Amino acid sequence: MRSSSYVGANYRAACRARSKAEFHSKLSIVVEEADESVFWMEVLVEADVVKKENLIHLTDEANQILKIAAASRKTVSGK
C-alpha cells in the first residue's frame, strides 16, 4: 500500500523539481516504488492471499506506469 502511494507522491514531487538532476532523481524513486508495488502484488498472488484474477488489472496498470516512468527517466538522462 505504501509503495503504491509513494509512486504518486514522488511523481508529483518530480513535476515540481527545480532542476533536471532533481527531476531525474525523483523519477528514479518513482521507478523504484512502482517496481516495489508490482513485487508486492506478485507476492500476494504467490502466497494465495489474493486471486490472480483480482489483481491482473492492477498489476498491468502498475507495469505500464513503471515502463512510462523508466522511459521518461531514460529520456531525461539522455541515454
C-alpha atoms as a PDB file:
ATOM      1  CA  MET A   1       0.000   0.000   0.000  1.00  0.00           C
ATOM      2  CA  ARG A   2       2.787   2.433   0.908  1.00  0.00           C
ATOM      3  CA  SER A   3       4.873   1.810  -2.197  1.00  0.00           C
ATOM      4  CA  SER A   4       1.876   2.404  -4.454  1.00  0.00           C
ATOM      5  CA  SER A   5       1.006   5.702  -2.788  1.00  0.00           C
ATOM      6  CA  TYR A   6       4.662   6.783  -2.934  1.00  0.00           C
ATOM      7  CA  VAL A   7       4.556   6.449  -6.730  1.00  0.00           C
ATOM      8  CA  GLY A   8       2.045   9.273  -6.997  1.00  0.00           C
ATOM      9  CA  ALA A   9       3.633  11.394  -4.305  1.00  0.00           C
ATOM     10  CA  ASN A  10       7.090  11.182  -5.841  1.00  0.00           C
ATOM     11  CA  TYR A  11       5.786  11.788  -9.346  1.00  0.00           C
ATOM     12  CA  ARG A  12       4.145  14.941  -8.057  1.00  0.00           C
ATOM     13  CA  ALA A  13       7.447  15.936  -6.464  1.00  0.00           C
ATOM     14  CA  ALA A  14       9.228  15.236  -9.767  1.00  0.00           C
ATOM     15  CA  CYS A  15       6.839  17.583 -11.558  1.00  0.00           C
ATOM     16  CA  ARG A  16       7.876  20.296  -9.137  1.00  0.00           C
ATOM     17  CA  ALA A  17      11.608  19.629  -9.444  1.00  0.00           C
ATOM     18  CA  ARG A  18      13.883  22.648  -9.520  1.00  0.00           C
ATOM     19  CA  SER A  19      16.460  21.111 -11.824  1.00  0.00           C
ATOM     20  CA  LYS A  20      16.935  18.363 -14.379  1.00  0.00           C
ATOM     21  CA  ALA A  21      19.033  16.418 -11.870  1.00  0.00           C
ATOM     22  CA  GLU A  22      16.334  16.643  -9.208  1.00  0.00           C
ATOM     23  CA  PHE A  23      13.700  15.581 -11.758  1.00  0.00           C
ATOM     24  CA  HIS A  24      15.801  12.543 -12.699  1.00  0.00           C
ATOM     25  CA  SER A  25      16.318  11.673  -9.046  1.00  0.00           C
ATOM     26  CA  LYS A  26      12.607  11.858  -8.242  1.00  0.00           C
ATOM     27  CA  LEU A  27      11.737   9.802 -11.331  1.00  0.00           C
ATOM     28  CA  SER A  28      14.209   7.182 -10.142  1.00  0.00           C
ATOM     29  CA  ILE A  29      12.249   6.944  -6.902  1.00  0.00           C
ATOM     30  CA  VAL A  30       9.010   6.622  -8.895  1.00  0.00           C
ATOM     31  CA  VAL A  31      10.515   3.708 -10.845  1.00  0.00           C
ATOM     32  CA  GLU A  32      11.711   2.050  -7.655  1.00  0.00           C
ATOM     33  CA  GLU A  33       8.360   2.400  -5.885  1.00  0.00           C
ATOM     34  CA  ALA A  34       6.361   1.253  -8.931  1.00  0.00           C
ATOM     35  CA  ASP A  35       8.553  -1.822  -9.192  1.00  0.00           C
ATOM     36  CA  GLU A  36       8.095  -2.499  -5.494  1.00  0.00           C
ATOM     37  CA  SER A  37       4.317  -2.220  -5.910  1.00  0.00           C
ATOM     38  CA  VAL A  38       4.400  -4.840  -8.668  1.00  0.00           C
ATOM     39  CA  PHE A  39       6.587  -7.046  -6.475  1.00  0.00           C
ATOM     40  CA  TRP A  40       4.136  -6.945  -3.563  1.00  0.00           C
ATOM     41  CA  MET A  41       1.193  -7.708  -5.831  1.00  0.00           C
ATOM     42  CA  GLU A  42       3.094 -10.740  -7.129  1.00  0.00           C
ATOM     43  CA  VAL A  43       3.811 -11.832  -3.550  1.00  0.00           C
ATOM     44  CA  LEU A  44       0.115 -11.578  -2.661  1.00  0.00           C
ATOM     45  CA  VAL A  45      -0.772 -13.806  -5.609  1.00  0.00           C
ATOM     46  CA  GLU A  46       2.017 -16.328  -4.966  1.00  0.00           C
ATOM     47  CA  ALA A  47       1.073 -16.576  -1.289  1.00  0.00           C
ATOM     48  CA  ASP A  48      -2.561 -17.213  -2.259  1.00  0.00           C
ATOM     49  CA  VAL A  49      -3.683 -14.176  -0.301  1.00  0.00           C
ATOM     50  CA  VAL A  50      -5.368 -12.707  -3.381  1.00  0.00           C
ATOM     51  CA  LYS A  51      -6.562 -14.433  -6.541  1.00  0.00           C
ATOM     52  CA  LYS A  52      -4.582 -13.539  -9.645  1.00  0.00           C
ATOM     53  CA  GLU A  53      -7.782 -12.535 -11.441  1.00  0.00           C
ATOM     54  CA  ASN A  54      -8.421  -9.889  -8.799  1.00  0.00           C
ATOM     55  CA  LEU A  55      -5.040  -8.207  -9.300  1.00  0.00           C
ATOM     56  CA  ILE A  56      -4.410  -8.705 -13.003  1.00  0.00           C
ATOM     57  CA  HIS A  57      -5.677  -5.247 -13.991  1.00  0.00           C
ATOM     58  CA  LEU A  58      -3.815  -3.504 -11.174  1.00  0.00           C
ATOM     59  CA  THR A  59      -0.613  -5.374 -11.962  1.00  0.00           C
ATOM     60  CA  ASP A  60      -0.935  -4.459 -15.630  1.00  0.00           C
ATOM     61  CA  GLU A  61      -1.525  -0.816 -14.739  1.00  0.00           C
ATOM     62  CA  ALA A  62       1.438  -0.780 -12.360  1.00  0.00           C
ATOM     63  CA  ASN A  63       3.692  -2.298 -15.037  1.00  0.00           C
ATOM     64  CA  GLN A  64       2.564   0.359 -17.520  1.00  0.00           C
ATOM     65  CA  ILE A  65       3.332   3.120 -15.023  1.00  0.00           C
ATOM     66  CA  LEU A  66       6.711   1.516 -14.369  1.00  0.00           C
ATOM     67  CA  LYS A  67       7.537   1.430 -18.095  1.00  0.00           C
ATOM     68  CA  ILE A  68       6.445   5.031 -18.628  1.00  0.00           C
ATOM     69  CA  ALA A  69       8.467   6.316 -15.676  1.00  0.00           C
ATOM     70  CA  ALA A  70      11.542   4.302 -16.706  1.00  0.00           C
ATOM     71  CA  ALA A  71      11.307   5.603 -20.283  1.00  0.00           C
ATOM     72  CA  SER A  72      10.903   9.179 -19.021  1.00  0.00           C
ATOM     73  CA  ARG A  73      13.935   8.796 -16.768  1.00  0.00           C
ATOM     74  CA  LYS A  74      15.952   7.460 -19.698  1.00  0.00           C
ATOM     75  CA  THR A  75      14.888  10.400 -21.875  1.00  0.00           C
ATOM     76  CA  VAL A  76      15.860  12.911 -19.196  1.00  0.00           C
ATOM     77  CA  SER A  77      19.282  11.337 -18.735  1.00  0.00           C
ATOM     78  CA  GLY A  78      19.901  11.458 -22.494  1.00  0.00           C
ATOM     79  CA  LYS A  79      20.680   7.751 -22.808  1.00  0.00           C
END
